[in-house]
């Protein structure tokens, strides 16, 4: 009984540790979202919010309830910034870095900065206290809680410093300061909690979606098994006929059926691997880079021989590293698949070297580089390529392949990056850098055409 309780307690401790690690990963280690869910509707709402409400509240506080101080210049700037969002079509431009910077600065200036300035200008009235607290909540809804918290602190510091230099201290007694400060801390903590809970919910939705994809991919194996039986039946029928032409026809159909089945099994393996994006076990294999790439190319289910022959593989300095051999094979497969898709979009003739894979090592870093001469990638989109469900193939891609690649490389303490339109040509270059297991000898440059 005692040992049973010990095991039960150990399981609970492990589960609590897993939950805590998941919480830390979702809140602190997750990528910063400068704009949360920057859809067209949300951006239009943000621009309309600034353009319409600022003139309305200026009229309300200046003419309808003229017992507070407002600022026409600031209101005009904020309304104009919202109008700019609407007129320039930010719903299509939000992936541009400068557009994101503009929107974040606009939101920061409109919410914590302007709100706190007007709070001080009106000597801490209840109306502007409530407005400032609402602005904090909105700020934490629009952007990541880390950005919102730093922005709020920075905004309050900047406003307080400028007010201290250019204005008299606001007429707010000590008890009111303490009361308002407590309300600020409460609302701020609530905003952070709501933001984190929303991020956790999105993470759970991601996990559920990935699980569904994995289940669907796994279920496809059942009809594929039946298709394999059809190929076997074709082989049997071939042996029962004496017509050479019919025998050749049945053999061709059987081979094509098996090839298609093999390709489908490969795609299923890919989808199941991608579906494990959030639960990848740490690999402890000793992986030889050249062997990894060679086996990946050899086992990849190319549709035509022309696809296989367009890949050039070059090894300069081979290296070893610690990781999962199967996961890294899947990474190479994903990159080859993307390169082939890019070549088809570019109407390539699949010459030798249209896809090039290079293995090298420099000092303590191993390098695996996969390049193609395909259609290329819009530089604006490069920073989003490794995000789950982001795909440049809007109708055929689910956007998990590169997110899986980044996750696997992170587990090896390595990195993956992309450079589009390299060397002045169309195409893309994916660069994987991985810490070496140990110093490897430099081999003479050799090129293998695969």
Protein backbone atom coordinates (compact mmCIF):
# COMPACT_ATOMS: atom_id res chain seq x y z
CA UNK A 1 0.00 0.00 0.00
CA UNK A 2 2.79 2.40 0.92
CA UNK A 3 4.68 1.68 -2.31
CA UNK A 4 1.47 2.16 -4.29
CA UNK A 5 0.97 5.58 -2.72
CA UNK A 6 4.59 6.47 -3.47
CA UNK A 7 4.15 5.58 -7.14
CA UNK A 8 0.90 7.54 -7.30
CA UNK A 9 2.57 10.57 -5.73
CA UNK A 10 5.49 10.28 -8.15
CA UNK A 11 3.07 10.24 -11.10
CA UNK A 12 1.28 13.32 -9.75
CA UNK A 13 4.62 15.11 -9.26
CA UNK A 14 5.64 14.28 -12.85
CA UNK A 15 2.28 15.48 -14.16
CA UNK A 16 2.54 18.72 -12.19
CA UNK A 17 6.08 19.23 -13.47
CA UNK A 18 4.90 18.66 -17.05
CA UNK A 19 2.07 21.16 -16.59
CA UNK A 20 4.46 23.70 -15.12
CA UNK A 21 6.99 23.21 -17.92
CA UNK A 22 4.20 23.58 -20.48
CA UNK A 23 3.01 26.76 -18.78
CA UNK A 24 6.53 28.23 -18.78
CA UNK A 25 7.00 27.32 -22.43
CA UNK A 26 3.67 28.87 -23.42
CA UNK A 27 4.15 32.09 -21.44
CA UNK A 28 7.87 32.87 -21.41
CA UNK A 29 9.52 30.83 -24.15
CA UNK A 30 6.88 31.11 -26.85
CA UNK A 31 7.58 33.51 -29.76
CA UNK A 32 6.52 37.10 -29.11
CA UNK A 33 3.42 38.14 -31.05
CA UNK A 34 3.66 41.86 -31.66
CA UNK A 35 0.08 41.78 -32.89
CA UNK A 36 -2.21 39.01 -31.65
CA UNK A 37 -4.18 37.41 -34.52
CA UNK A 38 -3.56 40.25 -37.00
CA UNK A 39 -6.46 39.36 -39.27
CA UNK A 40 -8.00 41.84 -41.67
CA UNK A 41 -11.03 42.29 -39.42
CA UNK A 42 -8.94 43.04 -36.33
CA UNK A 43 -6.77 45.54 -38.18
CA UNK A 44 -9.80 47.29 -39.62
CA UNK A 45 -11.26 47.38 -36.12
CA UNK A 46 -8.05 48.90 -34.76
CA UNK A 47 -8.00 51.59 -37.43
CA UNK A 48 -11.72 52.35 -37.02
CA UNK A 49 -11.30 52.48 -33.24
CA UNK A 50 -8.69 55.21 -33.53
CA UNK A 51 -10.38 57.14 -36.34
CA UNK A 52 -13.94 57.26 -34.96
CA UNK A 53 -13.68 57.17 -31.18
CA UNK A 54 -11.02 59.85 -30.78
CA UNK A 55 -13.11 62.65 -32.38
CA UNK A 56 -16.18 61.40 -30.55
CA UNK A 57 -14.58 61.50 -27.11
CA UNK A 58 -13.00 64.87 -27.82
CA UNK A 59 -16.47 66.24 -28.60
CA UNK A 60 -17.92 64.46 -25.55
CA UNK A 61 -15.33 65.81 -23.07
CA UNK A 62 -15.06 69.27 -24.64
CA UNK A 63 -18.64 70.22 -25.50
CA UNK A 64 -21.16 67.77 -24.09
CA UNK A 65 -19.53 67.24 -20.66
CA UNK A 66 -17.07 70.16 -20.47
CA UNK A 67 -15.67 69.32 -17.07
CA UNK A 68 -12.52 67.56 -18.22
CA UNK A 69 -9.44 68.60 -20.16
CA UNK A 70 -8.82 67.08 -23.57
CA UNK A 71 -6.17 67.63 -26.26
CA UNK A 72 -7.18 68.40 -29.83
CA UNK A 73 -3.68 67.91 -31.29
CA UNK A 74 -3.24 64.47 -29.74
CA UNK A 75 -6.75 63.42 -30.74
CA UNK A 76 -6.12 64.55 -34.33
CA UNK A 77 -2.87 62.58 -34.53
CA UNK A 78 -4.55 59.44 -33.19
CA UNK A 79 -7.54 59.77 -35.52
CA UNK A 80 -5.20 60.36 -38.48
CA UNK A 81 -3.16 57.26 -37.61
CA UNK A 82 -6.34 55.19 -37.66
CA UNK A 83 -7.39 56.70 -40.99
CA UNK A 84 -3.96 55.82 -42.42
CA UNK A 85 -4.50 52.20 -41.42
CA UNK A 86 -7.81 52.13 -43.29
CA UNK A 87 -6.64 53.98 -46.40
CA UNK A 88 -3.39 52.06 -46.93
CA UNK A 89 -5.00 48.64 -46.67
CA UNK A 90 -3.02 47.37 -43.69
CA UNK A 91 -5.03 44.18 -43.90
CA UNK A 92 -2.72 43.26 -46.80
CA UNK A 93 0.45 44.96 -45.59
CA UNK A 94 0.58 43.78 -41.97
CA UNK A 95 3.28 41.19 -42.72
CA UNK A 96 5.65 44.01 -43.59
CA UNK A 97 8.02 44.77 -40.71
CA UNK A 98 7.47 48.54 -40.90
CA UNK A 99 3.71 48.08 -40.89
CA UNK A 100 3.94 46.04 -37.69
CA UNK A 101 6.25 48.63 -36.08
CA UNK A 102 3.84 51.41 -37.05
CA UNK A 103 0.81 49.59 -35.64
CA UNK A 104 2.57 48.74 -32.37
CA UNK A 105 3.80 52.34 -31.88
CA UNK A 106 0.37 53.70 -32.78
CA UNK A 107 -1.29 51.41 -30.27
CA UNK A 108 1.32 52.21 -27.61
CA UNK A 109 0.94 55.97 -28.07
CA UNK A 110 -2.85 55.79 -28.10
CA UNK A 111 -3.31 53.55 -25.07
CA UNK A 112 -0.81 53.80 -22.19
CA UNK A 113 0.86 57.09 -23.21
CA UNK A 114 -2.15 59.21 -24.10
CA UNK A 115 -4.32 57.62 -21.41
CA UNK A 116 -1.87 58.32 -18.59
CA UNK A 117 -1.13 61.84 -19.87
CA UNK A 118 -4.81 62.75 -19.81
CA UNK A 119 -5.17 61.13 -16.40
CA UNK A 120 -2.52 63.48 -15.02
CA UNK A 121 -3.88 66.45 -16.96
CA UNK A 122 -7.28 65.95 -15.33
CA UNK A 123 -5.85 65.48 -11.81
CA UNK A 124 -6.79 61.83 -11.61
CA UNK A 125 -10.55 62.11 -12.15
CA UNK A 126 -12.62 58.94 -12.01
CA UNK A 127 -13.43 59.20 -15.72
CA UNK A 128 -9.80 59.24 -16.79
CA UNK A 129 -8.87 56.61 -14.23
CA UNK A 130 -11.45 54.28 -15.76
CA UNK A 131 -10.31 55.24 -19.27
CA UNK A 132 -6.67 54.52 -18.45
CA UNK A 133 -7.57 51.13 -16.97
CA UNK A 134 -9.61 50.27 -20.06
CA UNK A 135 -6.64 51.26 -22.20
CA UNK A 136 -4.43 48.82 -20.29
CA UNK A 137 -6.91 45.98 -20.94
CA UNK A 138 -7.16 46.84 -24.63
CA UNK A 139 -3.38 47.05 -24.96
CA UNK A 140 -3.02 43.53 -23.55
CA UNK A 141 -5.67 42.24 -25.94
CA UNK A 142 -4.07 43.74 -29.03
CA UNK A 143 -0.49 42.59 -28.41
CA UNK A 144 1.54 40.01 -26.50
CA UNK A 145 1.46 40.39 -22.71
CA UNK A 146 5.25 40.83 -22.60
CA UNK A 147 5.10 43.64 -25.16
CA UNK A 148 2.06 45.16 -23.43
CA UNK A 149 3.62 45.05 -19.95
CA UNK A 150 6.94 46.55 -21.07
CA UNK A 151 5.07 49.10 -23.18
CA UNK A 152 2.84 50.10 -20.27
CA UNK A 153 5.78 50.54 -17.93
CA UNK A 154 7.74 52.46 -20.54
CA UNK A 155 4.73 54.63 -21.40
CA UNK A 156 4.03 55.50 -17.78
CA UNK A 157 7.71 56.26 -17.18
CA UNK A 158 7.97 58.52 -20.26
CA UNK A 159 4.76 60.37 -19.43
CA UNK A 160 5.71 60.78 -15.78
CA UNK A 161 9.17 62.06 -16.69
CA UNK A 162 7.85 64.57 -19.25
CA UNK A 163 5.10 65.73 -16.88
CA UNK A 164 7.63 66.23 -14.09
CA UNK A 165 9.76 68.43 -16.42
CA UNK A 166 7.11 70.55 -18.14
CA UNK A 167 4.12 70.66 -15.75
CA UNK A 168 3.15 71.19 -12.15
CA UNK A 169 2.43 68.09 -10.05
CA UNK A 170 -1.21 66.95 -10.42
CA UNK A 171 -3.56 67.81 -7.57
CA UNK A 172 -4.16 64.29 -6.26
CA UNK A 173 -4.06 63.53 -2.55
CA UNK A 174 -2.10 60.66 -1.07
CA UNK A 175 -5.07 58.37 -0.35
CA UNK A 176 -6.35 58.80 -3.90
CA UNK A 177 -2.89 57.93 -5.25
CA UNK A 178 -2.80 54.73 -3.19
CA UNK A 179 -6.35 53.75 -4.18
CA UNK A 180 -5.71 54.38 -7.85
CA UNK A 181 -2.39 52.54 -7.71
CA UNK A 182 -4.09 49.47 -6.21
CA UNK A 183 -6.76 49.56 -8.92
CA UNK A 184 -4.05 49.87 -11.56
CA UNK A 185 -2.18 46.81 -10.23
CA UNK A 186 -5.42 44.80 -10.08
CA UNK A 187 -6.44 45.64 -13.64
CA UNK A 188 -2.90 45.12 -14.91
CA UNK A 189 -2.65 41.68 -13.28
CA UNK A 190 -6.07 40.78 -14.68
CA UNK A 191 -5.02 41.86 -18.17
CA UNK A 192 -1.86 39.72 -18.00
CA UNK A 193 -3.86 36.74 -16.73
CA UNK A 194 -6.42 37.09 -19.53
CA UNK A 195 -3.69 37.42 -22.15
CA UNK A 196 -1.84 34.33 -20.89
CA UNK A 197 -5.05 32.29 -20.67
CA UNK A 198 -5.90 33.28 -24.26
CA UNK A 199 -2.43 32.19 -25.38
CA UNK A 200 -2.87 28.87 -23.53
CA UNK A 201 -6.22 28.35 -25.21
CA UNK A 202 -4.70 28.98 -28.63
CA UNK A 203 -1.93 26.52 -27.76
CA UNK A 204 -4.53 23.91 -26.78
CA UNK A 205 -6.40 24.48 -30.03
CA UNK A 206 -3.12 23.96 -31.85
CA UNK A 207 -2.50 20.72 -29.97
CA UNK A 208 -6.04 19.47 -30.69
CA UNK A 209 -5.71 20.32 -34.38
CA UNK A 210 -2.37 18.54 -34.61
CA UNK A 211 -3.84 15.48 -32.87
CA UNK A 212 -6.73 15.44 -35.35
CA UNK A 213 -4.32 15.62 -38.29
CA UNK A 214 -2.32 12.75 -36.84
CA UNK A 215 -5.42 10.58 -36.36
CA UNK A 216 -6.68 11.27 -39.88
CA UNK A 217 -3.30 10.47 -41.39
CA UNK A 218 -3.08 7.25 -39.39
CA UNK A 219 -6.56 6.14 -40.49
CA UNK A 220 -5.55 6.44 -44.14
CA UNK A 221 -3.33 3.38 -43.75
CA UNK A 222 -6.38 1.07 -43.77
CA UNK A 223 -7.51 1.85 -47.34
CA UNK A 224 -3.87 1.81 -48.45
CA UNK A 225 -3.59 -1.76 -47.21
CA UNK A 226 -6.55 -2.66 -49.42
CA UNK A 227 -4.86 -0.95 -52.37
CA UNK A 228 -1.76 -3.06 -51.73
CA UNK A 229 -3.94 -6.16 -52.00
CA UNK A 230 -5.11 -4.91 -55.40
CA UNK A 231 -1.48 -4.78 -56.54
CA UNK A 232 -1.00 -8.37 -55.31
CA UNK A 233 -4.13 -9.44 -57.21
CA UNK A 234 -2.76 -7.88 -60.39
CA UNK A 235 0.44 -9.89 -59.95
CA UNK A 236 -1.59 -13.09 -59.51
CA UNK A 237 -3.65 -12.38 -62.62
CA UNK A 238 -0.43 -11.77 -64.56
CA UNK A 239 0.71 -15.32 -63.79
CA UNK A 240 -2.65 -16.74 -64.94
CA UNK A 241 -2.55 -15.33 -68.46
CA UNK A 242 -0.37 -16.31 -71.39
CA UNK A 243 -0.82 -13.08 -73.33
CA UNK A 244 2.57 -11.20 -73.17
CA UNK A 245 0.98 -7.81 -73.80
CA UNK A 246 -1.55 -8.35 -71.01
CA UNK A 247 1.20 -9.59 -68.69
CA UNK A 248 3.21 -6.41 -69.30
CA UNK A 249 0.11 -4.29 -68.75
CA UNK A 250 -0.75 -6.01 -65.47
CA UNK A 251 2.86 -5.80 -64.27
CA UNK A 252 2.94 -2.07 -65.08
CA UNK A 253 -0.32 -1.47 -63.21
CA UNK A 254 0.94 -3.46 -60.21
CA UNK A 255 4.20 -1.48 -60.08
CA UNK A 256 2.44 1.86 -60.43
CA UNK A 257 -0.01 0.88 -57.70
CA UNK A 258 2.82 -0.04 -55.35
CA UNK A 259 4.69 3.19 -56.13
CA UNK A 260 1.61 5.28 -55.41
CA UNK A 261 1.02 3.33 -52.21
CA UNK A 262 4.61 3.92 -51.15
CA UNK A 263 4.25 7.65 -51.84
CA UNK A 264 1.03 7.80 -49.81
CA UNK A 265 2.68 5.97 -46.90
CA UNK A 266 5.50 8.51 -47.07
CA UNK A 267 3.00 11.38 -46.96
CA UNK A 268 1.22 9.76 -44.01
CA UNK A 269 4.53 9.41 -42.15
CA UNK A 270 5.15 13.09 -42.88
CA UNK A 271 1.77 14.22 -41.55
CA UNK A 272 2.04 12.06 -38.43
CA UNK A 273 5.52 13.45 -37.74
CA UNK A 274 4.26 17.01 -38.24
CA UNK A 275 1.31 16.31 -35.96
CA UNK A 276 3.76 15.51 -33.15
CA UNK A 277 5.07 19.06 -33.38
CA UNK A 278 4.38 19.83 -29.72
CA UNK A 279 5.49 16.44 -28.34
CA UNK A 280 8.77 15.62 -30.01
CA UNK A 281 10.94 13.30 -27.92
CA UNK A 282 14.54 14.40 -27.48
CA UNK A 283 16.83 12.48 -29.81
CA UNK A 284 20.02 10.90 -28.50
CA UNK A 285 21.30 9.29 -31.69
CA UNK A 286 24.74 9.97 -33.07
CA UNK A 287 23.89 11.26 -36.53
CA UNK A 288 26.41 11.48 -39.36
CA UNK A 289 25.35 14.37 -41.57
CA UNK A 290 26.43 12.92 -44.93
CA UNK A 291 24.76 9.55 -44.24
CA UNK A 292 21.60 11.33 -43.08
CA UNK A 293 21.28 13.27 -46.34
CA UNK A 294 22.27 10.33 -48.56
CA UNK A 295 19.63 8.06 -47.04
CA UNK A 296 17.01 10.80 -47.17
CA UNK A 297 17.60 11.35 -50.89
CA UNK A 298 17.75 7.60 -51.61
CA UNK A 299 14.48 6.84 -49.79
CA UNK A 300 12.51 9.90 -50.92
CA UNK A 301 9.53 8.84 -53.07
CA UNK A 302 10.24 10.93 -56.16
CA UNK A 303 7.42 10.91 -58.69
CA UNK A 304 9.77 10.90 -61.69
CA UNK A 305 13.41 10.06 -62.27
CA UNK A 306 13.90 13.64 -63.44
CA UNK A 307 13.08 14.84 -59.93
CA UNK A 308 15.68 12.53 -58.42
CA UNK A 309 18.40 13.54 -60.90
CA UNK A 310 17.92 17.28 -60.37
CA UNK A 311 19.39 17.03 -56.84
CA UNK A 312 23.10 17.60 -56.39
CA UNK A 313 24.68 16.59 -53.09
CA UNK A 314 28.09 17.89 -52.01
CA UNK A 315 30.07 17.12 -48.87
CA UNK A 316 32.94 19.41 -47.89
CA UNK A 317 33.53 18.67 -44.21
CA UNK A 318 31.41 15.87 -42.77
CA UNK A 319 30.35 16.05 -39.13
CA UNK A 320 28.44 14.23 -36.40
CA UNK A 321 25.85 15.57 -33.98
CA UNK A 322 23.41 14.40 -31.32
CA UNK A 323 19.78 14.24 -32.37
CA UNK A 324 16.99 12.03 -33.61
CA UNK A 325 17.89 10.33 -36.88
CA UNK A 326 14.23 9.80 -37.82
CA UNK A 327 13.24 13.38 -37.03
CA UNK A 328 16.18 14.80 -38.98
CA UNK A 329 15.29 12.53 -41.91
CA UNK A 330 11.82 14.07 -41.82
CA UNK A 331 13.38 17.56 -41.80
CA UNK A 332 15.33 16.79 -44.99
CA UNK A 333 12.20 15.27 -46.54
CA UNK A 334 10.17 18.40 -45.77
CA UNK A 335 12.82 20.65 -47.34
CA UNK A 336 13.10 18.47 -50.46
CA UNK A 337 9.31 18.45 -50.81
CA UNK A 338 9.15 22.24 -50.52
CA UNK A 339 11.99 22.64 -53.03
CA UNK A 340 10.25 20.38 -55.56
CA UNK A 341 7.00 22.31 -55.12
CA UNK A 342 8.87 25.57 -55.72
CA UNK A 343 10.44 24.18 -58.91
CA UNK A 344 7.06 23.11 -60.26
CA UNK A 345 5.65 26.59 -59.57
CA UNK A 346 8.60 28.12 -61.43
CA UNK A 347 7.99 25.78 -64.41
CA UNK A 348 11.52 24.48 -63.99
CA UNK A 349 13.01 21.97 -66.40
CA UNK A 350 14.60 20.14 -63.43
CA UNK A 351 18.20 20.36 -64.55
CA UNK A 352 20.96 18.86 -62.39
CA UNK A 353 21.61 21.28 -59.55
CA UNK A 354 18.10 22.77 -59.51
CA UNK A 355 18.12 21.50 -55.93
CA UNK A 356 21.48 21.44 -54.16
CA UNK A 357 22.25 20.02 -50.73
CA UNK A 358 25.55 20.84 -49.06
CA UNK A 359 27.17 19.46 -45.91
CA UNK A 360 29.98 21.40 -44.26
CA UNK A 361 31.37 22.30 -40.85
CA UNK A 362 32.95 25.53 -39.69
CA UNK A 363 34.68 25.60 -36.29
CA UNK A 364 32.14 24.17 -33.81
CA UNK A 365 29.11 24.35 -36.09
CA UNK A 366 27.87 21.82 -38.61
CA UNK A 367 25.99 23.10 -41.64
CA UNK A 368 23.37 21.45 -43.84
CA UNK A 369 22.21 23.71 -46.64
CA UNK A 370 19.26 23.00 -48.95
CA UNK A 371 18.89 25.40 -51.90
CA UNK A 372 16.59 25.47 -54.88
CA UNK A 373 16.16 27.54 -58.02
CA UNK A 374 12.41 27.68 -57.77
CA UNK A 375 9.91 30.48 -57.54
CA UNK A 376 11.46 32.00 -54.42
CA UNK A 377 9.85 33.37 -51.26
CA UNK A 378 8.64 36.90 -50.65
CA UNK A 379 11.13 38.40 -48.14
CA UNK A 380 8.19 39.85 -46.21
CA UNK A 381 6.93 36.32 -45.52
CA UNK A 382 10.25 34.86 -44.41
CA UNK A 383 9.80 35.70 -40.72
CA UNK A 384 6.49 33.80 -40.66
CA UNK A 385 7.58 30.65 -42.49
CA UNK A 386 8.35 28.66 -39.33
CA UNK A 387 5.07 29.50 -37.56
CA UNK A 388 2.51 26.67 -37.28
CA UNK A 389 -0.21 26.75 -39.96
CA UNK A 390 1.51 29.47 -42.00
CA UNK A 391 1.95 28.33 -45.59
CA UNK A 392 2.75 30.01 -48.89
CA UNK A 393 0.67 27.24 -50.53
CA UNK A 394 -2.70 28.59 -49.48
CA UNK A 395 -4.73 25.78 -51.03
CA UNK A 396 -2.44 22.76 -50.69
CA UNK A 397 -0.23 23.35 -47.63
CA UNK A 398 -1.14 23.17 -43.95
CA UNK A 399 1.92 25.08 -42.73
CA UNK A 400 3.30 22.46 -40.32
CA UNK A 401 6.37 21.22 -42.18
CA UNK A 402 8.72 24.13 -41.47
CA UNK A 403 7.37 24.54 -37.93
CA UNK A 404 8.30 20.88 -37.41
CA UNK A 405 11.76 21.55 -38.86
CA UNK A 406 12.38 24.43 -36.46
CA UNK A 407 11.23 22.33 -33.51
CA UNK A 408 13.56 19.47 -34.43
CA UNK A 409 16.53 21.79 -34.93
CA UNK A 410 15.82 23.42 -31.57
CA UNK A 411 15.93 19.99 -29.90
CA UNK A 412 19.48 19.58 -31.27
CA UNK A 413 20.33 23.08 -29.95
CA UNK A 414 20.64 24.13 -33.57
CA UNK A 415 18.82 26.63 -35.78
CA UNK A 416 17.20 26.79 -39.19
CA UNK A 417 16.93 29.97 -41.23
CA UNK A 418 15.90 30.93 -44.74
CA UNK A 419 17.32 33.30 -47.31
CA UNK A 420 15.21 34.02 -50.40
CA UNK A 421 16.44 35.23 -53.77
CA UNK A 422 20.03 34.37 -52.85
CA UNK A 423 22.90 35.24 -55.23
CA UNK A 424 20.58 37.47 -57.19
CA UNK A 425 18.59 34.47 -58.45
CA UNK A 426 15.12 33.27 -57.79
CA UNK A 427 14.93 30.50 -55.29
CA UNK A 428 15.35 29.87 -51.60
CA UNK A 429 18.13 28.69 -49.36
CA UNK A 430 17.46 26.92 -46.06
CA UNK A 431 20.43 26.84 -43.72
CA UNK A 432 20.62 24.47 -40.74
CA UNK A 433 23.38 25.02 -38.18
CA UNK A 434 23.96 22.27 -35.60
CA UNK A 435 26.52 22.00 -32.77
CA UNK A 436 29.12 19.35 -33.51
CA UNK A 437 29.39 16.21 -31.43
CA UNK A 438 33.15 16.43 -31.71
CA UNK A 439 35.76 17.82 -34.06
CA UNK A 440 35.62 15.95 -37.32
CA UNK A 441 38.46 15.56 -39.72
CA UNK A 442 38.39 17.69 -42.83
CA UNK A 443 37.94 15.61 -45.89
CA UNK A 444 38.94 16.71 -49.32
CA UNK A 445 36.15 18.38 -51.21
CA UNK A 446 34.05 15.80 -52.98
CA UNK A 447 30.81 16.10 -54.87
CA UNK A 448 28.31 13.30 -55.22
CA UNK A 449 25.55 13.62 -57.78
CA UNK A 450 22.49 11.78 -56.55
